[in-house]
Every structure is written in C-alpha cells, then in structure tokens.
Amino acid sequence: MAWYEVKNSGAVAADDRYKHLKIGGLAIQGAVAEHLQSLESCGAGALAVRKPSALAEVDGLIIPGGESTTISRLGRLYGFMEGIYHLVEAGKPLFGTCAGLVMMAREVEGQQPVLALLSITARRNAFGRQRESFEADLDIPVLGGEPFCGGFIRAPVVTSVFGEAQVLARINGIVVAARERNCLATSFHPELTDDLRLHRYFLEMALLGSAPKAARQP
C-alpha cells in the first residue's frame, strides 16, 4: 500500500468518552472522507458538512486538505465563513489540515488571509509540486514520545508564529503544526495513517468545548 493511501488497521478501540460528540468535516472541496473515518474510528460521530446550517449541529469542525483558494471561494460563495466564526467564538474547536492551515492563518505570504483565526504566517506549496510529496516521522510532544508519521502533499509551512499561537511540531526546524486556543492546524495529513492520536487530541479539545463554561480551563 502506498503511503498516501489511507491506512486504517482498525486496531485502536473506540473511546466511549467521544460517543456524544459530532464532528463536522467541511465537504465543499478536498478529501474529507478520510477524516470522517478517523473520527468514527475514535468513537465520535462524524458529519460531512455541505450546508452552512449544518455547522450548528457539530461540536467541532475539520477543514481538510484540497485547494485553499477553491475552498475559500466556495466557502464565501455559499456562506460558510460566518458559521465558522460563530463556531470558534462558541469555544468549539477548528482543525485545519494542509489547505485548512492556509485558510486559518492570520497572514498568508503573497495573498490576503481568509479566516485569520490562527496567529501564524503560512507559505503555500512550500515543499514543491505533487511529485515532491513525502512522509516523515514527526516529534509531537503533546501526543507522547512515539513519532507521528505525517504525509506532506503540496504542503504549506508556517514561516512565523506570533501572538498566543504555540508550535506543536517542526520538520528540519520548520514549523508544520500549531495551536492557538481552540484552533489547531497542521501542514501534513494526519488522516492518511492509522495513527489516530491527532484526531484524539482534537476530540479532547471538542470535549472541552462542549463542557459547561464553568468547567472549561482558560
């Protein structure tokens, strides 16, 4: 099996703590099905979000990889942006992978930002064309000691981190994952592996977001 195909061994048991959660995957462009499969393997409910009204039904949202300019254009055209802002303002988590990272960045080299929710500067297609795609073992301390294998496909990178954003992972000194409060983003595709730790990390954020305000940590 090629590295860029979905690898799902089914060996990791679902967690009952996530069974009341419903996580959406923005399904207007790009590959969202693998994210939904990973969420369900963790024990959460998963919903392909094709209409802005569906954003009110979810406890968190994933913006998948794809073409950031196309996702942004369609997101504006069909009225998704306001709903995404409301979701984040309500304390629910947002997870952007690859193109999703570009959409979430407050600054994007050479173009206007889209959502501007994560205090990073993004550079699109930083590793080259499709044929330069690769996988790499990443040290992500919040996931534990074992390396996480990330797939990089026409991937962006983070060229600067500022404000309250925190670096979660680097490759050769270059930032490829960051978080700011309830916003999480990666340059790589965590859904293209059977390692569910990043999706579980996101679901932990969703558990916090779905808790009563008095129970939330700052």
N, C-alpha and C. Protein backbone atom coordinates (compact mmCIF):
# COMPACT_ATOMS: atom_id res chain seq x y z
N MET A 1 0.85 -1.20 0.00
CA MET A 1 0.00 0.00 0.00
C MET A 1 0.88 1.24 0.00
N ALA A 2 0.62 2.20 -0.88
CA ALA A 2 1.39 3.43 -0.95
C ALA A 2 1.13 4.27 0.29
N TRP A 3 2.12 5.09 0.66
CA TRP A 3 2.00 5.87 1.89
C TRP A 3 0.84 6.84 1.84
N TYR A 4 0.48 7.33 0.63
CA TYR A 4 -0.56 8.35 0.54
C TYR A 4 -1.96 7.76 0.50
N GLU A 5 -2.08 6.43 0.53
CA GLU A 5 -3.39 5.81 0.65
C GLU A 5 -3.77 5.74 2.13
N VAL A 6 -5.05 5.72 2.40
CA VAL A 6 -5.50 5.64 3.78
C VAL A 6 -5.10 4.31 4.38
N LYS A 7 -4.44 4.34 5.53
CA LYS A 7 -4.03 3.14 6.23
C LYS A 7 -4.87 3.04 7.50
N ASN A 8 -5.76 2.13 7.58
CA ASN A 8 -6.63 2.01 8.75
C ASN A 8 -6.67 0.56 9.17
N SER A 9 -5.92 0.22 10.22
CA SER A 9 -5.83 -1.16 10.67
C SER A 9 -7.03 -1.56 11.52
N GLY A 10 -7.74 -0.55 12.06
CA GLY A 10 -8.87 -0.83 12.95
C GLY A 10 -8.45 -1.39 14.28
N ALA A 11 -7.16 -1.30 14.61
CA ALA A 11 -6.65 -1.94 15.81
C ALA A 11 -6.93 -1.12 17.07
N VAL A 12 -7.20 0.19 16.91
CA VAL A 12 -7.40 1.05 18.07
C VAL A 12 -8.87 1.07 18.44
N ALA A 13 -9.16 0.74 19.68
CA ALA A 13 -10.56 0.68 20.13
C ALA A 13 -11.13 2.08 20.25
N ALA A 14 -12.43 2.20 19.96
CA ALA A 14 -13.13 3.47 20.10
C ALA A 14 -13.24 3.82 21.57
N ASP A 15 -13.30 5.11 21.87
CA ASP A 15 -13.37 5.61 23.24
C ASP A 15 -14.80 6.09 23.50
N ASP A 16 -15.43 5.53 24.52
CA ASP A 16 -16.81 5.89 24.84
C ASP A 16 -16.97 7.36 25.23
N ARG A 17 -15.89 7.99 25.65
CA ARG A 17 -15.99 9.40 26.05
C ARG A 17 -16.36 10.30 24.87
N TYR A 18 -16.10 9.83 23.66
CA TYR A 18 -16.35 10.65 22.48
C TYR A 18 -17.70 10.37 21.81
N LYS A 19 -18.45 9.42 22.33
CA LYS A 19 -19.62 8.95 21.59
C LYS A 19 -20.72 9.99 21.47
N HIS A 20 -20.74 10.98 22.38
CA HIS A 20 -21.77 12.02 22.29
C HIS A 20 -21.34 13.18 21.39
N LEU A 21 -20.10 13.16 20.93
CA LEU A 21 -19.61 14.24 20.08
C LEU A 21 -19.98 14.00 18.62
N LYS A 22 -20.27 15.07 17.92
CA LYS A 22 -20.45 15.01 16.48
C LYS A 22 -19.52 16.05 15.86
N ILE A 23 -18.58 15.58 15.07
CA ILE A 23 -17.58 16.46 14.46
C ILE A 23 -17.87 16.57 12.97
N GLY A 24 -17.83 17.78 12.47
CA GLY A 24 -18.08 18.01 11.05
C GLY A 24 -16.79 18.07 10.25
N GLY A 25 -16.90 17.66 9.00
CA GLY A 25 -15.82 17.84 8.05
C GLY A 25 -16.33 18.71 6.92
N LEU A 26 -15.69 19.84 6.66
CA LEU A 26 -16.14 20.75 5.61
C LEU A 26 -16.01 20.05 4.26
N ALA A 27 -17.13 19.82 3.61
CA ALA A 27 -17.16 18.94 2.43
C ALA A 27 -17.57 19.70 1.18
N ILE A 28 -16.95 20.86 0.95
CA ILE A 28 -17.24 21.61 -0.27
C ILE A 28 -16.15 21.43 -1.33
N GLN A 29 -14.96 21.00 -0.91
CA GLN A 29 -13.87 20.65 -1.83
C GLN A 29 -12.78 20.00 -1.01
N GLY A 30 -12.06 19.07 -1.60
CA GLY A 30 -10.99 18.40 -0.89
C GLY A 30 -11.44 17.05 -0.34
N ALA A 31 -10.49 16.34 0.25
CA ALA A 31 -10.71 14.98 0.72
C ALA A 31 -11.07 14.97 2.20
N VAL A 32 -12.37 14.86 2.48
CA VAL A 32 -12.82 14.89 3.87
C VAL A 32 -13.18 13.49 4.39
N ALA A 33 -13.44 12.54 3.51
CA ALA A 33 -13.93 11.22 3.92
C ALA A 33 -12.95 10.53 4.86
N GLU A 34 -11.66 10.68 4.62
CA GLU A 34 -10.67 10.02 5.48
C GLU A 34 -10.69 10.58 6.90
N HIS A 35 -10.91 11.89 7.03
CA HIS A 35 -11.05 12.49 8.34
C HIS A 35 -12.26 11.92 9.07
N LEU A 36 -13.37 11.80 8.38
CA LEU A 36 -14.59 11.29 8.99
C LEU A 36 -14.39 9.84 9.45
N GLN A 37 -13.68 9.07 8.64
CA GLN A 37 -13.39 7.69 9.01
C GLN A 37 -12.53 7.63 10.27
N SER A 38 -11.53 8.52 10.35
CA SER A 38 -10.66 8.55 11.54
C SER A 38 -11.45 8.93 12.79
N LEU A 39 -12.34 9.90 12.66
CA LEU A 39 -13.16 10.32 13.79
C LEU A 39 -14.05 9.18 14.28
N GLU A 40 -14.66 8.48 13.35
CA GLU A 40 -15.53 7.36 13.71
C GLU A 40 -14.72 6.23 14.35
N SER A 41 -13.49 6.02 13.88
CA SER A 41 -12.64 5.00 14.48
C SER A 41 -12.30 5.36 15.92
N CYS A 42 -12.27 6.65 16.24
CA CYS A 42 -12.02 7.10 17.61
C CYS A 42 -13.24 6.94 18.50
N GLY A 43 -14.42 6.77 17.89
CA GLY A 43 -15.64 6.61 18.66
C GLY A 43 -16.57 7.80 18.60
N ALA A 44 -16.23 8.84 17.83
CA ALA A 44 -17.07 10.03 17.71
C ALA A 44 -18.01 9.91 16.51
N GLY A 45 -19.06 10.72 16.52
CA GLY A 45 -19.90 10.85 15.36
C GLY A 45 -19.25 11.79 14.36
N ALA A 46 -19.49 11.57 13.08
CA ALA A 46 -18.88 12.39 12.04
C ALA A 46 -19.93 12.79 11.02
N LEU A 47 -19.84 14.02 10.54
CA LEU A 47 -20.83 14.57 9.62
C LEU A 47 -20.14 15.33 8.51
N ALA A 48 -20.46 15.01 7.26
CA ALA A 48 -19.98 15.78 6.13
C ALA A 48 -20.80 17.06 6.04
N VAL A 49 -20.15 18.21 6.24
CA VAL A 49 -20.85 19.50 6.26
C VAL A 49 -20.88 20.07 4.85
N ARG A 50 -22.07 20.05 4.24
CA ARG A 50 -22.24 20.54 2.87
C ARG A 50 -23.09 21.80 2.81
N LYS A 51 -23.71 22.16 3.94
CA LYS A 51 -24.53 23.37 4.01
C LYS A 51 -24.15 24.14 5.27
N PRO A 52 -24.16 25.48 5.21
CA PRO A 52 -23.81 26.26 6.40
C PRO A 52 -24.67 25.93 7.60
N SER A 53 -25.93 25.59 7.40
CA SER A 53 -26.82 25.29 8.52
C SER A 53 -26.34 24.11 9.34
N ALA A 54 -25.58 23.20 8.73
CA ALA A 54 -25.09 22.01 9.44
C ALA A 54 -24.04 22.37 10.49
N LEU A 55 -23.44 23.55 10.39
CA LEU A 55 -22.42 23.95 11.36
C LEU A 55 -23.01 24.07 12.77
N ALA A 56 -24.29 24.35 12.85
CA ALA A 56 -24.93 24.47 14.15
C ALA A 56 -25.09 23.12 14.83
N GLU A 57 -24.93 22.02 14.09
CA GLU A 57 -25.14 20.68 14.62
C GLU A 57 -23.88 20.04 15.18
N VAL A 58 -22.72 20.65 14.95
CA VAL A 58 -21.46 19.96 15.26
C VAL A 58 -20.78 20.55 16.48
N ASP A 59 -19.93 19.72 17.10
CA ASP A 59 -19.14 20.10 18.28
C ASP A 59 -17.72 20.50 17.91
N GLY A 60 -17.42 20.51 16.65
CA GLY A 60 -16.11 20.88 16.15
C GLY A 60 -16.10 20.69 14.64
N LEU A 61 -15.11 21.27 13.97
CA LEU A 61 -15.06 21.23 12.51
C LEU A 61 -13.64 21.00 12.03
N ILE A 62 -13.50 20.18 10.99
CA ILE A 62 -12.23 19.98 10.31
C ILE A 62 -12.31 20.57 8.91
N ILE A 63 -11.34 21.41 8.57
CA ILE A 63 -11.18 21.89 7.19
C ILE A 63 -10.08 21.04 6.57
N PRO A 64 -10.42 20.22 5.58
CA PRO A 64 -9.45 19.24 5.07
C PRO A 64 -8.48 19.83 4.06
N GLY A 65 -7.56 18.98 3.62
CA GLY A 65 -6.69 19.36 2.53
C GLY A 65 -7.47 19.47 1.24
N GLY A 66 -6.87 20.11 0.26
CA GLY A 66 -7.51 20.35 -1.02
C GLY A 66 -6.83 21.54 -1.66
N GLU A 67 -7.60 22.40 -2.28
CA GLU A 67 -7.08 23.62 -2.88
C GLU A 67 -7.62 24.79 -2.08
N SER A 68 -6.74 25.49 -1.37
CA SER A 68 -7.18 26.52 -0.42
C SER A 68 -7.95 27.64 -1.11
N THR A 69 -7.53 28.03 -2.31
CA THR A 69 -8.24 29.11 -2.99
C THR A 69 -9.65 28.68 -3.38
N THR A 70 -9.81 27.42 -3.79
CA THR A 70 -11.14 26.91 -4.17
C THR A 70 -12.03 26.78 -2.95
N ILE A 71 -11.50 26.21 -1.86
CA ILE A 71 -12.30 26.07 -0.64
C ILE A 71 -12.71 27.45 -0.13
N SER A 72 -11.79 28.42 -0.18
CA SER A 72 -12.09 29.76 0.29
C SER A 72 -13.17 30.41 -0.57
N ARG A 73 -13.04 30.28 -1.89
CA ARG A 73 -14.02 30.90 -2.79
C ARG A 73 -15.40 30.30 -2.57
N LEU A 74 -15.47 28.97 -2.50
CA LEU A 74 -16.77 28.32 -2.30
C LEU A 74 -17.31 28.60 -0.90
N GLY A 75 -16.42 28.67 0.08
CA GLY A 75 -16.86 28.97 1.44
C GLY A 75 -17.52 30.33 1.53
N ARG A 76 -16.95 31.31 0.84
CA ARG A 76 -17.56 32.65 0.81
C ARG A 76 -18.84 32.64 0.00
N LEU A 77 -18.80 31.98 -1.14
CA LEU A 77 -19.94 31.98 -2.05
C LEU A 77 -21.18 31.39 -1.40
N TYR A 78 -20.99 30.31 -0.64
CA TYR A 78 -22.14 29.61 -0.05
C TYR A 78 -22.39 29.97 1.41
N GLY A 79 -21.65 30.95 1.93
CA GLY A 79 -21.96 31.48 3.25
C GLY A 79 -21.49 30.68 4.43
N PHE A 80 -20.36 29.98 4.30
CA PHE A 80 -19.84 29.18 5.41
C PHE A 80 -19.03 30.01 6.42
N MET A 81 -18.46 31.11 6.00
CA MET A 81 -17.49 31.81 6.84
C MET A 81 -18.10 32.29 8.16
N GLU A 82 -19.28 32.89 8.10
CA GLU A 82 -19.91 33.40 9.33
C GLU A 82 -20.16 32.26 10.32
N GLY A 83 -20.61 31.11 9.82
CA GLY A 83 -20.86 29.97 10.69
C GLY A 83 -19.60 29.44 11.32
N ILE A 84 -18.48 29.47 10.59
CA ILE A 84 -17.20 29.02 11.15
C ILE A 84 -16.76 29.96 12.26
N TYR A 85 -16.91 31.27 12.04
CA TYR A 85 -16.57 32.23 13.10
C TYR A 85 -17.42 32.00 14.34
N HIS A 86 -18.71 31.80 14.16
CA HIS A 86 -19.60 31.55 15.30
C HIS A 86 -19.18 30.30 16.07
N LEU A 87 -18.80 29.25 15.32
CA LEU A 87 -18.37 28.01 15.94
C LEU A 87 -17.16 28.24 16.83
N VAL A 88 -16.17 28.96 16.32
CA VAL A 88 -14.94 29.21 17.09
C VAL A 88 -15.24 30.12 18.28
N GLU A 89 -16.07 31.14 18.07
CA GLU A 89 -16.42 32.05 19.16
C GLU A 89 -17.16 31.32 20.28
N ALA A 90 -17.88 30.27 19.93
CA ALA A 90 -18.62 29.48 20.94
C ALA A 90 -17.71 28.54 21.71
N GLY A 91 -16.42 28.51 21.39
CA GLY A 91 -15.48 27.65 22.09
C GLY A 91 -15.29 26.28 21.48
N LYS A 92 -15.95 26.04 20.35
CA LYS A 92 -15.79 24.75 19.69
C LYS A 92 -14.51 24.76 18.86
N PRO A 93 -13.85 23.61 18.73
CA PRO A 93 -12.54 23.59 18.06
C PRO A 93 -12.64 23.53 16.54
N LEU A 94 -11.61 24.10 15.92
CA LEU A 94 -11.45 24.08 14.47
C LEU A 94 -10.09 23.49 14.16
N PHE A 95 -10.05 22.53 13.24
CA PHE A 95 -8.82 21.81 12.88
C PHE A 95 -8.63 21.93 11.37
N GLY A 96 -7.55 22.57 10.95
CA GLY A 96 -7.25 22.71 9.53
C GLY A 96 -6.04 21.90 9.15
N THR A 97 -6.14 21.10 8.10
CA THR A 97 -5.00 20.32 7.63
C THR A 97 -4.65 20.77 6.22
N CYS A 98 -3.37 21.00 5.99
CA CYS A 98 -2.84 21.40 4.69
C CYS A 98 -3.53 22.68 4.20
N ALA A 99 -4.45 22.59 3.26
CA ALA A 99 -5.17 23.78 2.80
C ALA A 99 -5.91 24.45 3.94
N GLY A 100 -6.39 23.65 4.88
CA GLY A 100 -7.08 24.21 6.03
C GLY A 100 -6.19 25.10 6.86
N LEU A 101 -4.90 24.75 6.98
CA LEU A 101 -3.95 25.60 7.69
C LEU A 101 -3.84 26.95 7.02
N VAL A 102 -3.75 26.95 5.69
CA VAL A 102 -3.64 28.22 4.95
C VAL A 102 -4.87 29.08 5.20
N MET A 103 -6.05 28.46 5.19
CA MET A 103 -7.28 29.20 5.41
C MET A 103 -7.35 29.81 6.80
N MET A 104 -6.78 29.14 7.79
CA MET A 104 -6.86 29.60 9.17
C MET A 104 -5.82 30.66 9.52
N ALA A 105 -4.76 30.78 8.74
CA ALA A 105 -3.64 31.66 9.08
C ALA A 105 -4.05 33.13 9.06
N ARG A 106 -3.52 33.88 10.03
CA ARG A 106 -3.76 35.33 10.05
C ARG A 106 -3.01 36.04 8.93
N GLU A 107 -1.90 35.46 8.51
CA GLU A 107 -1.12 36.02 7.41
C GLU A 107 -0.77 34.90 6.44
N VAL A 108 -0.87 35.19 5.14
CA VAL A 108 -0.50 34.24 4.10
C VAL A 108 0.41 34.97 3.12
N GLU A 109 1.59 34.44 2.90
CA GLU A 109 2.54 35.11 2.02
C GLU A 109 1.98 35.22 0.60
N GLY A 110 1.94 36.45 0.09
CA GLY A 110 1.54 36.68 -1.29
C GLY A 110 0.04 36.75 -1.53
N GLN A 111 -0.77 36.67 -0.48
CA GLN A 111 -2.22 36.76 -0.69
C GLN A 111 -2.90 37.21 0.59
N GLN A 112 -4.16 37.59 0.45
CA GLN A 112 -4.94 38.01 1.60
C GLN A 112 -5.33 36.80 2.45
N PRO A 113 -5.33 36.95 3.76
CA PRO A 113 -5.79 35.85 4.62
C PRO A 113 -7.28 35.60 4.42
N VAL A 114 -7.72 34.42 4.84
CA VAL A 114 -9.13 34.04 4.65
C VAL A 114 -9.87 34.14 5.99
N LEU A 115 -9.68 33.19 6.88
CA LEU A 115 -10.36 33.21 8.17
C LEU A 115 -9.59 34.03 9.23
N ALA A 116 -8.28 34.03 9.13
CA ALA A 116 -7.43 34.81 10.04
C ALA A 116 -7.72 34.50 11.51
N LEU A 117 -7.73 33.23 11.85
CA LEU A 117 -8.05 32.79 13.20
C LEU A 117 -6.85 32.29 14.00
N LEU A 118 -5.76 31.97 13.32
CA LEU A 118 -4.59 31.38 13.97
C LEU A 118 -3.39 32.28 13.71
N SER A 119 -2.70 32.67 14.79
CA SER A 119 -1.64 33.68 14.70
C SER A 119 -0.34 33.08 14.13
N ILE A 120 -0.40 32.79 12.85
CA ILE A 120 0.76 32.26 12.13
C ILE A 120 0.81 32.93 10.75
N THR A 121 1.98 32.85 10.13
CA THR A 121 2.14 33.21 8.72
C THR A 121 2.36 31.92 7.95
N ALA A 122 1.58 31.71 6.89
CA ALA A 122 1.66 30.49 6.10
C ALA A 122 2.26 30.77 4.73
N ARG A 123 3.01 29.79 4.24
CA ARG A 123 3.53 29.82 2.86
C ARG A 123 2.98 28.61 2.13
N ARG A 124 2.25 28.84 1.06
CA ARG A 124 1.62 27.76 0.31
C ARG A 124 2.64 26.96 -0.50
N ASN A 125 2.35 25.67 -0.70
CA ASN A 125 3.14 24.79 -1.58
C ASN A 125 4.64 24.91 -1.31
N ALA A 126 5.01 24.92 -0.04
CA ALA A 126 6.40 25.20 0.33
C ALA A 126 7.35 24.06 -0.02
N PHE A 127 6.85 22.83 -0.17
CA PHE A 127 7.71 21.68 -0.44
C PHE A 127 7.70 21.28 -1.91
N GLY A 128 7.06 22.08 -2.76
CA GLY A 128 7.07 21.76 -4.18
C GLY A 128 5.77 21.17 -4.68
N ARG A 129 5.86 20.56 -5.85
CA ARG A 129 4.68 20.04 -6.54
C ARG A 129 4.26 18.67 -5.99
N GLN A 130 3.22 18.13 -6.60
CA GLN A 130 2.67 16.83 -6.16
C GLN A 130 3.74 15.75 -6.14
N ARG A 131 4.62 15.74 -7.12
CA ARG A 131 5.63 14.68 -7.20
C ARG A 131 6.67 14.78 -6.10
N GLU A 132 6.74 15.93 -5.42
CA GLU A 132 7.65 16.07 -4.29
C GLU A 132 6.99 15.67 -2.96
N SER A 133 5.82 15.09 -3.01
CA SER A 133 5.14 14.65 -1.79
C SER A 133 6.00 13.62 -1.06
N PHE A 134 5.90 13.62 0.26
CA PHE A 134 6.73 12.71 1.06
C PHE A 134 6.06 12.47 2.40
N GLU A 135 6.59 11.52 3.14
CA GLU A 135 6.16 11.28 4.51
C GLU A 135 7.36 11.44 5.43
N ALA A 136 7.09 11.79 6.68
CA ALA A 136 8.18 11.99 7.64
C ALA A 136 7.69 11.69 9.04
N ASP A 137 8.58 11.15 9.87
CA ASP A 137 8.28 10.93 11.28
C ASP A 137 8.50 12.23 12.04
N LEU A 138 7.48 12.66 12.75
CA LEU A 138 7.49 13.94 13.44
C LEU A 138 7.47 13.75 14.94
N ASP A 139 8.22 14.58 15.63
CA ASP A 139 8.18 14.62 17.09
C ASP A 139 7.10 15.63 17.49
N ILE A 140 6.00 15.13 18.07
CA ILE A 140 4.90 15.99 18.51
C ILE A 140 4.69 15.72 20.00
N PRO A 141 5.35 16.48 20.87
CA PRO A 141 5.34 16.18 22.30
C PRO A 141 3.94 16.04 22.91
N VAL A 142 2.95 16.81 22.44
CA VAL A 142 1.62 16.71 23.04
C VAL A 142 0.98 15.36 22.78
N LEU A 143 1.52 14.59 21.85
CA LEU A 143 0.98 13.26 21.54
C LEU A 143 1.74 12.15 22.23
N GLY A 144 2.78 12.48 22.97
CA GLY A 144 3.58 11.45 23.62
C GLY A 144 4.93 11.28 22.95
N GLY A 145 5.65 10.24 23.34
CA GLY A 145 7.01 10.05 22.89
C GLY A 145 7.19 9.42 21.53
N GLU A 146 6.19 8.66 21.07
CA GLU A 146 6.32 7.98 19.79
C GLU A 146 6.20 8.97 18.63
N PRO A 147 7.03 8.83 17.59
CA PRO A 147 6.92 9.74 16.44
C PRO A 147 5.59 9.55 15.70
N PHE A 148 5.14 10.61 15.08
CA PHE A 148 3.91 10.58 14.29
C PHE A 148 4.28 10.70 12.83
N CYS A 149 3.80 9.78 12.01
CA CYS A 149 4.13 9.79 10.58
C CYS A 149 3.15 10.70 9.84
N GLY A 150 3.66 11.80 9.31
CA GLY A 150 2.82 12.75 8.59
C GLY A 150 3.06 12.69 7.10
N GLY A 151 1.98 12.81 6.33
CA GLY A 151 2.09 12.85 4.88
C GLY A 151 2.00 14.28 4.38
N PHE A 152 2.99 14.70 3.59
CA PHE A 152 3.07 16.07 3.08
C PHE A 152 2.80 16.05 1.57
N ILE A 153 1.69 16.66 1.16
CA ILE A 153 1.27 16.66 -0.24
C ILE A 153 1.05 18.10 -0.67
N ARG A 154 1.96 18.65 -1.46
CA ARG A 154 1.90 20.07 -1.85
C ARG A 154 1.65 20.92 -0.60
N ALA A 155 2.39 20.62 0.43
CA ALA A 155 2.08 21.14 1.77
C ALA A 155 2.57 22.56 1.98
N PRO A 156 1.82 23.32 2.77
CA PRO A 156 2.30 24.63 3.22
C PRO A 156 3.23 24.46 4.41
N VAL A 157 3.87 25.55 4.81
CA VAL A 157 4.62 25.58 6.07
C VAL A 157 4.26 26.86 6.81
N VAL A 158 4.66 26.90 8.06
CA VAL A 158 4.46 28.09 8.89
C VAL A 158 5.79 28.81 8.98
N THR A 159 5.83 30.05 8.49
CA THR A 159 7.08 30.80 8.48
C THR A 159 7.24 31.70 9.69
N SER A 160 6.16 31.97 10.40
CA SER A 160 6.27 32.71 11.66
C SER A 160 5.09 32.37 12.56
N VAL A 161 5.35 32.41 13.85
CA VAL A 161 4.33 32.15 14.88
C VAL A 161 4.36 33.33 15.83
N PHE A 162 3.19 33.88 16.13
CA PHE A 162 3.16 35.07 16.98
C PHE A 162 1.90 35.03 17.85
N GLY A 163 1.71 36.11 18.63
CA GLY A 163 0.53 36.16 19.49
C GLY A 163 0.52 35.00 20.48
N GLU A 164 -0.64 34.34 20.59
CA GLU A 164 -0.81 33.24 21.54
C GLU A 164 -0.61 31.87 20.89
N ALA A 165 -0.25 31.84 19.64
CA ALA A 165 -0.06 30.56 18.96
C ALA A 165 1.15 29.83 19.51
N GLN A 166 1.05 28.50 19.56
CA GLN A 166 2.12 27.66 20.07
C GLN A 166 2.53 26.65 19.01
N VAL A 167 3.81 26.42 18.90
CA VAL A 167 4.34 25.43 17.95
C VAL A 167 4.14 24.03 18.53
N LEU A 168 3.59 23.13 17.73
CA LEU A 168 3.41 21.74 18.15
C LEU A 168 4.40 20.80 17.49
N ALA A 169 4.86 21.13 16.27
CA ALA A 169 5.78 20.23 15.57
C ALA A 169 6.59 21.00 14.53
N ARG A 170 7.81 20.48 14.32
CA ARG A 170 8.69 21.03 13.29
C ARG A 170 9.28 19.87 12.48
N ILE A 171 9.69 20.19 11.26
CA ILE A 171 10.48 19.27 10.46
C ILE A 171 11.68 20.04 9.93
N ASN A 172 12.88 19.58 10.27
CA ASN A 172 14.11 20.28 9.89
C ASN A 172 14.06 21.74 10.32
N GLY A 173 13.50 21.98 11.50
CA GLY A 173 13.42 23.34 12.04
C GLY A 173 12.26 24.17 11.54
N ILE A 174 11.50 23.64 10.59
CA ILE A 174 10.38 24.38 10.00
C ILE A 174 9.09 23.98 10.70
N VAL A 175 8.28 24.94 11.08
CA VAL A 175 7.04 24.67 11.81
C VAL A 175 6.00 24.08 10.88
N VAL A 176 5.41 22.94 11.30
CA VAL A 176 4.39 22.27 10.48
C VAL A 176 3.12 21.95 11.27
N ALA A 177 3.05 22.40 12.52
CA ALA A 177 1.83 22.23 13.30
C ALA A 177 1.80 23.29 14.39
N ALA A 178 0.61 23.87 14.62
CA ALA A 178 0.48 24.92 15.62
C ALA A 178 -0.92 24.91 16.20
N ARG A 179 -1.04 25.50 17.38
CA ARG A 179 -2.34 25.62 18.03
C ARG A 179 -2.45 26.97 18.72
N GLU A 180 -3.63 27.55 18.68
CA GLU A 180 -3.96 28.74 19.45
C GLU A 180 -5.37 28.57 20.01
N ARG A 181 -5.43 28.39 21.33
CA ARG A 181 -6.71 28.14 21.99
C ARG A 181 -7.43 26.98 21.32
N ASN A 182 -8.63 27.21 20.75
CA ASN A 182 -9.39 26.12 20.14
C ASN A 182 -9.18 26.00 18.64
N CYS A 183 -8.08 26.54 18.15
CA CYS A 183 -7.72 26.41 16.73
C CYS A 183 -6.44 25.59 16.59
N LEU A 184 -6.50 24.55 15.78
CA LEU A 184 -5.39 23.61 15.57
C LEU A 184 -5.15 23.47 14.08
N ALA A 185 -3.90 23.44 13.66
CA ALA A 185 -3.61 23.31 12.23
C ALA A 185 -2.32 22.55 12.00
N THR A 186 -2.31 21.75 10.93
CA THR A 186 -1.11 21.02 10.53
C THR A 186 -0.87 21.19 9.03
N SER A 187 0.40 21.21 8.66
CA SER A 187 0.77 21.23 7.24
C SER A 187 0.51 19.89 6.57
N PHE A 188 0.57 18.84 7.37
CA PHE A 188 0.50 17.48 6.85
C PHE A 188 -0.89 16.89 7.01
N HIS A 189 -1.04 15.66 6.52
CA HIS A 189 -2.33 14.96 6.52
C HIS A 189 -2.33 13.84 7.57
N PRO A 190 -2.88 14.09 8.76
CA PRO A 190 -2.92 13.04 9.78
C PRO A 190 -3.94 11.95 9.48
N GLU A 191 -4.84 12.22 8.57
CA GLU A 191 -5.88 11.24 8.24
C GLU A 191 -5.38 10.13 7.33
N LEU A 192 -4.16 10.26 6.80
CA LEU A 192 -3.63 9.26 5.89
C LEU A 192 -2.76 8.22 6.62
N THR A 193 -3.13 7.91 7.83
CA THR A 193 -2.43 6.91 8.62
C THR A 193 -3.42 6.30 9.59
N ASP A 194 -3.08 5.16 10.15
CA ASP A 194 -3.94 4.56 11.17
C ASP A 194 -3.59 5.06 12.57
N ASP A 195 -2.66 6.01 12.68
CA ASP A 195 -2.33 6.63 13.95
C ASP A 195 -3.38 7.71 14.23
N LEU A 196 -4.23 7.46 15.22
CA LEU A 196 -5.36 8.34 15.49
C LEU A 196 -5.07 9.39 16.57
N ARG A 197 -3.83 9.53 16.96
CA ARG A 197 -3.55 10.40 18.10
C ARG A 197 -3.89 11.86 17.87
N LEU A 198 -3.70 12.37 16.66
CA LEU A 198 -4.04 13.77 16.43
C LEU A 198 -5.55 13.98 16.41
N HIS A 199 -6.28 13.04 15.85
CA HIS A 199 -7.74 13.15 15.89
C HIS A 199 -8.25 13.02 17.33
N ARG A 200 -7.62 12.17 18.12
CA ARG A 200 -7.99 12.07 19.53
C ARG A 200 -7.67 13.38 20.27
N TYR A 201 -6.54 13.97 19.95
CA TYR A 201 -6.17 15.26 20.55
C TYR A 201 -7.23 16.31 20.22
N PHE A 202 -7.69 16.31 18.98
CA PHE A 202 -8.74 17.25 18.58
C PHE A 202 -10.06 16.95 19.30
N LEU A 203 -10.36 15.68 19.47
CA LEU A 203 -11.58 15.32 20.18
C LEU A 203 -11.51 15.73 21.65
N GLU A 204 -10.32 15.69 22.24
CA GLU A 204 -10.18 16.20 23.60
C GLU A 204 -10.48 17.70 23.64
N MET A 205 -10.07 18.43 22.62
CA MET A 205 -10.42 19.84 22.52
C MET A 205 -11.93 20.00 22.40
N ALA A 206 -12.58 19.10 21.65
CA ALA A 206 -14.03 19.17 21.50
C ALA A 206 -14.75 18.86 22.80
N LEU A 207 -14.22 17.93 23.59
CA LEU A 207 -14.81 17.65 24.89
C LEU A 207 -14.77 18.89 25.78
N LEU A 208 -13.66 19.61 25.73
CA LEU A 208 -13.54 20.84 26.50
C LEU A 208 -14.51 21.90 25.99
N GLY A 209 -14.65 21.99 24.66
CA GLY A 209 -15.54 22.97 24.08
C GLY A 209 -17.00 22.70 24.33
N SER A 210 -17.35 21.41 24.55
CA SER A 210 -18.74 21.05 24.78
C SER A 210 -19.11 21.06 26.26
N ALA A 211 -18.11 21.28 27.13
CA ALA A 211 -18.37 21.32 28.57
C ALA A 211 -19.02 22.64 28.96
N PRO A 212 -19.73 22.69 30.07
CA PRO A 212 -20.25 23.97 30.56
C PRO A 212 -19.14 24.96 30.77
N LYS A 213 -19.40 26.24 30.53
CA LYS A 213 -18.36 27.25 30.60
C LYS A 213 -17.63 27.24 31.93
N ALA A 214 -18.31 26.99 33.02
CA ALA A 214 -17.67 27.00 34.33
C ALA A 214 -16.64 25.90 34.49
N ALA A 215 -16.77 24.84 33.66
CA ALA A 215 -15.87 23.70 33.76
C ALA A 215 -14.69 23.82 32.83
N ARG A 216 -14.68 24.82 31.93
CA ARG A 216 -13.61 24.96 30.95
C ARG A 216 -12.36 25.56 31.60
N GLN A 217 -11.21 25.11 31.09
CA GLN A 217 -9.95 25.68 31.52
C GLN A 217 -9.63 26.88 30.65
N PRO A 218 -8.90 27.87 31.16
CA PRO A 218 -8.56 29.03 30.33
C PRO A 218 -7.62 28.66 29.20
